[in-house]
N, C-alpha and C. Protein backbone atom coordinates (compact mmCIF):
# COMPACT_ATOMS: atom_id res chain seq x y z
N MET A 1 154.38 -47.89 249.71
CA MET A 1 153.00 -47.52 249.93
C MET A 1 152.42 -46.97 248.63
N ALA A 2 151.34 -47.57 248.22
CA ALA A 2 150.71 -47.17 246.97
C ALA A 2 149.70 -46.06 247.20
N VAL A 3 149.66 -45.14 246.26
CA VAL A 3 148.69 -44.05 246.32
C VAL A 3 147.66 -44.30 245.25
N TYR A 4 146.41 -44.33 245.68
CA TYR A 4 145.33 -44.59 244.75
C TYR A 4 144.58 -43.30 244.47
N ALA A 5 144.44 -42.98 243.21
CA ALA A 5 143.67 -41.80 242.81
C ALA A 5 142.22 -42.23 242.62
N ARG A 6 141.32 -41.41 243.07
CA ARG A 6 139.91 -41.72 242.89
C ARG A 6 139.55 -41.46 241.44
N ARG A 7 139.05 -42.48 240.80
CA ARG A 7 138.71 -42.38 239.39
C ARG A 7 137.24 -41.99 239.24
N ARG A 8 137.00 -40.97 238.49
CA ARG A 8 135.63 -40.53 238.24
C ARG A 8 135.23 -40.90 236.82
N THR A 9 134.07 -41.49 236.70
CA THR A 9 133.58 -41.88 235.39
C THR A 9 132.56 -40.86 234.89
N SER A 10 132.25 -40.96 233.62
CA SER A 10 131.24 -40.07 233.03
C SER A 10 129.88 -40.34 233.65
N VAL A 11 129.58 -41.61 233.89
CA VAL A 11 128.28 -41.96 234.47
C VAL A 11 128.19 -41.41 235.89
N GLY A 12 129.26 -41.53 236.65
CA GLY A 12 129.28 -40.98 238.00
C GLY A 12 129.10 -39.47 237.99
N SER A 13 129.70 -38.81 237.01
CA SER A 13 129.55 -37.36 236.90
C SER A 13 128.12 -36.96 236.57
N VAL A 14 127.48 -37.72 235.72
CA VAL A 14 126.08 -37.46 235.37
C VAL A 14 125.20 -37.64 236.61
N ILE A 15 125.46 -38.69 237.37
CA ILE A 15 124.69 -38.95 238.59
C ILE A 15 124.88 -37.81 239.59
N ARG A 16 126.11 -37.36 239.78
CA ARG A 16 126.37 -36.22 240.67
C ARG A 16 125.67 -34.97 240.16
N GLY A 17 125.64 -34.78 238.85
CA GLY A 17 124.97 -33.62 238.26
C GLY A 17 123.47 -33.63 238.50
N ILE A 18 122.86 -34.79 238.42
CA ILE A 18 121.42 -34.90 238.69
C ILE A 18 121.14 -34.56 240.15
N GLY A 19 121.99 -35.05 241.05
CA GLY A 19 121.84 -34.72 242.46
C GLY A 19 121.97 -33.22 242.70
N ALA A 20 122.89 -32.59 241.99
CA ALA A 20 123.08 -31.14 242.12
C ALA A 20 121.86 -30.38 241.60
N ILE A 21 121.27 -30.85 240.52
CA ILE A 21 120.06 -30.21 239.98
C ILE A 21 118.92 -30.31 240.98
N PHE A 22 118.76 -31.49 241.59
CA PHE A 22 117.72 -31.66 242.62
C PHE A 22 117.95 -30.68 243.76
N ALA A 23 119.20 -30.55 244.20
CA ALA A 23 119.53 -29.65 245.31
C ALA A 23 119.26 -28.20 244.94
N VAL A 24 119.55 -27.81 243.71
CA VAL A 24 119.31 -26.44 243.26
C VAL A 24 117.81 -26.14 243.23
N ILE A 25 117.01 -27.07 242.73
CA ILE A 25 115.56 -26.86 242.69
C ILE A 25 115.02 -26.69 244.10
N LEU A 26 115.42 -27.56 245.02
CA LEU A 26 114.96 -27.45 246.40
C LEU A 26 115.47 -26.17 247.06
N GLY A 27 116.71 -25.82 246.78
CA GLY A 27 117.28 -24.60 247.34
C GLY A 27 116.59 -23.35 246.83
N LEU A 28 116.24 -23.34 245.55
CA LEU A 28 115.51 -22.20 244.99
C LEU A 28 114.14 -22.07 245.65
N HIS A 29 113.49 -23.20 245.87
CA HIS A 29 112.18 -23.15 246.53
C HIS A 29 112.30 -22.56 247.93
N ILE A 30 113.31 -23.00 248.67
CA ILE A 30 113.53 -22.44 250.01
C ILE A 30 113.76 -20.93 249.91
N LEU A 31 114.61 -20.53 248.99
CA LEU A 31 114.90 -19.11 248.80
C LEU A 31 113.66 -18.31 248.43
N PHE A 32 112.84 -18.84 247.53
CA PHE A 32 111.63 -18.15 247.12
C PHE A 32 110.66 -17.97 248.30
N VAL A 33 110.53 -18.99 249.12
CA VAL A 33 109.63 -18.89 250.28
C VAL A 33 110.18 -17.89 251.29
N LEU A 34 111.46 -17.99 251.58
CA LEU A 34 112.05 -17.09 252.58
C LEU A 34 112.04 -15.63 252.14
N MET A 35 112.20 -15.40 250.84
CA MET A 35 112.24 -14.04 250.33
C MET A 35 110.86 -13.51 249.94
N GLY A 36 109.83 -14.36 250.03
CA GLY A 36 108.47 -13.93 249.71
C GLY A 36 108.25 -13.70 248.23
N ALA A 37 108.74 -14.60 247.40
CA ALA A 37 108.58 -14.46 245.95
C ALA A 37 107.10 -14.53 245.57
N ASN A 38 106.76 -13.92 244.45
CA ASN A 38 105.40 -13.89 243.94
C ASN A 38 104.95 -15.30 243.57
N ALA A 39 104.00 -15.85 244.33
CA ALA A 39 103.53 -17.22 244.11
C ALA A 39 102.76 -17.37 242.80
N ALA A 40 102.35 -16.28 242.18
CA ALA A 40 101.63 -16.34 240.91
C ALA A 40 102.59 -16.42 239.72
N ASN A 41 103.87 -16.19 239.94
CA ASN A 41 104.86 -16.22 238.87
C ASN A 41 105.02 -17.66 238.36
N ALA A 42 105.09 -17.83 237.05
CA ALA A 42 105.16 -19.16 236.46
C ALA A 42 106.43 -19.91 236.87
N PHE A 43 107.56 -19.21 236.93
CA PHE A 43 108.81 -19.87 237.31
C PHE A 43 108.77 -20.31 238.78
N VAL A 44 108.23 -19.47 239.64
CA VAL A 44 108.12 -19.81 241.06
C VAL A 44 107.19 -21.01 241.24
N ARG A 45 106.09 -21.05 240.50
CA ARG A 45 105.18 -22.20 240.55
C ARG A 45 105.84 -23.46 240.03
N PHE A 46 106.61 -23.34 238.95
CA PHE A 46 107.32 -24.48 238.37
C PHE A 46 108.30 -25.07 239.39
N ILE A 47 109.09 -24.21 240.01
CA ILE A 47 110.07 -24.66 241.01
C ILE A 47 109.33 -25.26 242.21
N GLY A 48 108.27 -24.63 242.65
CA GLY A 48 107.49 -25.13 243.78
C GLY A 48 106.89 -26.50 243.51
N TYR A 49 106.40 -26.69 242.28
CA TYR A 49 105.83 -27.99 241.90
C TYR A 49 106.88 -29.09 241.99
N TRP A 50 108.04 -28.86 241.37
CA TRP A 50 109.08 -29.89 241.37
C TRP A 50 109.71 -30.06 242.75
N ALA A 51 109.82 -28.99 243.50
CA ALA A 51 110.35 -29.10 244.87
C ALA A 51 109.41 -29.95 245.72
N GLY A 52 108.10 -29.81 245.52
CA GLY A 52 107.14 -30.62 246.24
C GLY A 52 107.30 -32.10 245.93
N ILE A 53 107.59 -32.41 244.69
CA ILE A 53 107.82 -33.80 244.30
C ILE A 53 109.13 -34.31 244.88
N LEU A 54 110.18 -33.49 244.81
CA LEU A 54 111.50 -33.92 245.29
C LEU A 54 111.61 -33.98 246.81
N ALA A 55 110.70 -33.32 247.50
CA ALA A 55 110.75 -33.33 248.97
C ALA A 55 110.29 -34.67 249.54
N VAL A 56 109.74 -35.52 248.71
CA VAL A 56 109.23 -36.85 249.05
C VAL A 56 108.67 -36.92 250.47
N TRP A 57 109.33 -37.60 251.38
CA TRP A 57 108.82 -37.84 252.73
C TRP A 57 109.04 -36.66 253.66
N PHE A 58 109.78 -35.67 253.24
CA PHE A 58 110.18 -34.59 254.13
C PHE A 58 109.27 -33.37 254.08
N ARG A 59 108.33 -33.35 253.15
CA ARG A 59 107.52 -32.14 252.91
C ARG A 59 106.80 -31.64 254.17
N ASN A 60 106.22 -32.50 254.95
CA ASN A 60 105.49 -32.09 256.15
C ASN A 60 106.06 -32.74 257.40
N LEU A 61 107.33 -32.99 257.41
CA LEU A 61 107.96 -33.68 258.53
C LEU A 61 107.96 -32.82 259.79
N PHE A 62 108.33 -31.57 259.68
CA PHE A 62 108.35 -30.66 260.81
C PHE A 62 107.23 -29.65 260.66
N ALA A 63 106.52 -29.40 261.75
CA ALA A 63 105.46 -28.39 261.77
C ALA A 63 105.67 -27.51 263.00
N THR A 64 106.43 -26.45 262.82
CA THR A 64 106.78 -25.58 263.94
C THR A 64 105.77 -24.46 264.15
N GLY A 65 104.89 -24.28 263.19
CA GLY A 65 103.94 -23.16 263.27
C GLY A 65 104.40 -21.96 262.46
N ASN A 66 105.63 -21.95 262.04
CA ASN A 66 106.18 -20.89 261.21
C ASN A 66 106.47 -21.48 259.83
N VAL A 67 105.78 -20.99 258.81
CA VAL A 67 105.90 -21.55 257.46
C VAL A 67 107.34 -21.50 256.96
N GLN A 68 108.01 -20.39 257.19
CA GLN A 68 109.37 -20.25 256.68
C GLN A 68 110.32 -21.24 257.36
N VAL A 69 110.19 -21.43 258.64
CA VAL A 69 111.04 -22.40 259.35
C VAL A 69 110.71 -23.82 258.89
N ASP A 70 109.43 -24.10 258.70
CA ASP A 70 109.03 -25.42 258.22
C ASP A 70 109.65 -25.73 256.87
N VAL A 71 109.57 -24.78 255.96
CA VAL A 71 110.13 -24.97 254.61
C VAL A 71 111.65 -25.15 254.70
N LEU A 72 112.30 -24.34 255.50
CA LEU A 72 113.75 -24.45 255.66
C LEU A 72 114.14 -25.82 256.19
N LEU A 73 113.48 -26.29 257.22
CA LEU A 73 113.80 -27.60 257.80
C LEU A 73 113.46 -28.75 256.86
N ASN A 74 112.23 -28.76 256.37
CA ASN A 74 111.77 -29.89 255.57
C ASN A 74 112.49 -29.99 254.23
N TYR A 75 112.56 -28.90 253.50
CA TYR A 75 113.19 -28.93 252.19
C TYR A 75 114.72 -28.97 252.32
N GLY A 76 115.24 -28.38 253.38
CA GLY A 76 116.68 -28.48 253.64
C GLY A 76 117.10 -29.91 253.90
N LEU A 77 116.27 -30.64 254.65
CA LEU A 77 116.54 -32.05 254.90
C LEU A 77 116.46 -32.85 253.60
N ALA A 78 115.54 -32.48 252.72
CA ALA A 78 115.43 -33.16 251.42
C ALA A 78 116.69 -32.90 250.58
N ILE A 79 117.25 -31.70 250.67
CA ILE A 79 118.51 -31.42 249.95
C ILE A 79 119.61 -32.34 250.43
N ILE A 80 119.76 -32.44 251.74
CA ILE A 80 120.79 -33.32 252.31
C ILE A 80 120.56 -34.76 251.87
N PHE A 81 119.31 -35.21 251.92
CA PHE A 81 118.97 -36.57 251.52
C PHE A 81 119.41 -36.86 250.08
N TRP A 82 119.02 -35.98 249.15
CA TRP A 82 119.34 -36.21 247.75
C TRP A 82 120.85 -36.13 247.48
N LEU A 83 121.54 -35.22 248.13
CA LEU A 83 122.99 -35.14 247.93
C LEU A 83 123.69 -36.39 248.44
N VAL A 84 123.23 -36.92 249.56
CA VAL A 84 123.82 -38.15 250.09
C VAL A 84 123.50 -39.34 249.18
N VAL A 85 122.24 -39.47 248.78
CA VAL A 85 121.84 -40.59 247.92
C VAL A 85 122.62 -40.58 246.61
N PHE A 86 122.66 -39.44 245.94
CA PHE A 86 123.35 -39.38 244.66
C PHE A 86 124.87 -39.45 244.83
N GLY A 87 125.40 -38.96 245.94
CA GLY A 87 126.82 -39.09 246.21
C GLY A 87 127.23 -40.55 246.40
N VAL A 88 126.45 -41.29 247.17
CA VAL A 88 126.73 -42.71 247.37
C VAL A 88 126.57 -43.47 246.06
N LEU A 89 125.51 -43.17 245.34
CA LEU A 89 125.28 -43.84 244.06
C LEU A 89 126.42 -43.58 243.07
N SER A 90 126.91 -42.35 243.02
CA SER A 90 128.00 -42.04 242.08
C SER A 90 129.29 -42.75 242.51
N ARG A 91 129.53 -42.88 243.81
CA ARG A 91 130.72 -43.61 244.27
C ARG A 91 130.65 -45.08 243.91
N VAL A 92 129.46 -45.66 244.05
CA VAL A 92 129.28 -47.06 243.68
C VAL A 92 129.55 -47.24 242.19
N VAL A 93 129.00 -46.36 241.39
CA VAL A 93 129.19 -46.44 239.94
C VAL A 93 130.67 -46.22 239.59
N ASP A 94 131.33 -45.26 240.24
CA ASP A 94 132.73 -45.00 239.96
C ASP A 94 133.60 -46.20 240.31
N ARG A 95 133.29 -46.89 241.36
CA ARG A 95 134.07 -48.08 241.75
C ARG A 95 133.80 -49.26 240.86
N THR A 96 132.58 -49.32 240.33
CA THR A 96 132.18 -50.46 239.49
C THR A 96 132.82 -50.36 238.11
N TYR A 97 132.88 -49.15 237.55
CA TYR A 97 133.37 -49.01 236.17
C TYR A 97 134.80 -48.60 236.15
């Protein structure tokens, strides 16, 4: 019985890293909203801007009436989406090279 080690390539690692950066940006936005961060702060605005772009189709998917729950659901779903997309993409690249 042969044992196969999963080979990771540099390109696959870069792809996984980009997915992780997307997840961190979205996660920071969720954290800022839940903790009531100062919306006038430049860093909070920067993260909010990019999180809005990365949330793609999920930004207004759920409307529960509670802003914090909406952000948690919508942006949390976007985190899962990006991690799955980049995870699959990195596996395809790792198998190809």
